[in-house]
Amino acid sequence: MLRQFQKPWFMLAGWVHYLAFDLWIGAWIGRDAAARDCPRLLVVPCQVLTLLLGPVGLLLYVALVRRALPSGRP
């Protein structure tokens, strides 16, 4: 895999994939948190981790926010 990423087209495809995933998931997290009236202090770390580590931020969001506020703030 490392050898493939030394080729410019594979590197471009990898970056586009990572950026598209991060941006799409980050936007979804923002919309979902707003619909649930979730405190921003819970959402911001999830979005930062999504930007930096992709699936880790999504898993943190699902574990923290969606479990803590399943149908919105009481």
Foldseek 3Di string as FASTA:
>chain_A
DVVQCVDVVSVVVVVVVLVVLLVVLLVVLVVVCVQQVHDVVQNVVLSVCCNVPNPVSVVSCCVPPCVVRVPHDD
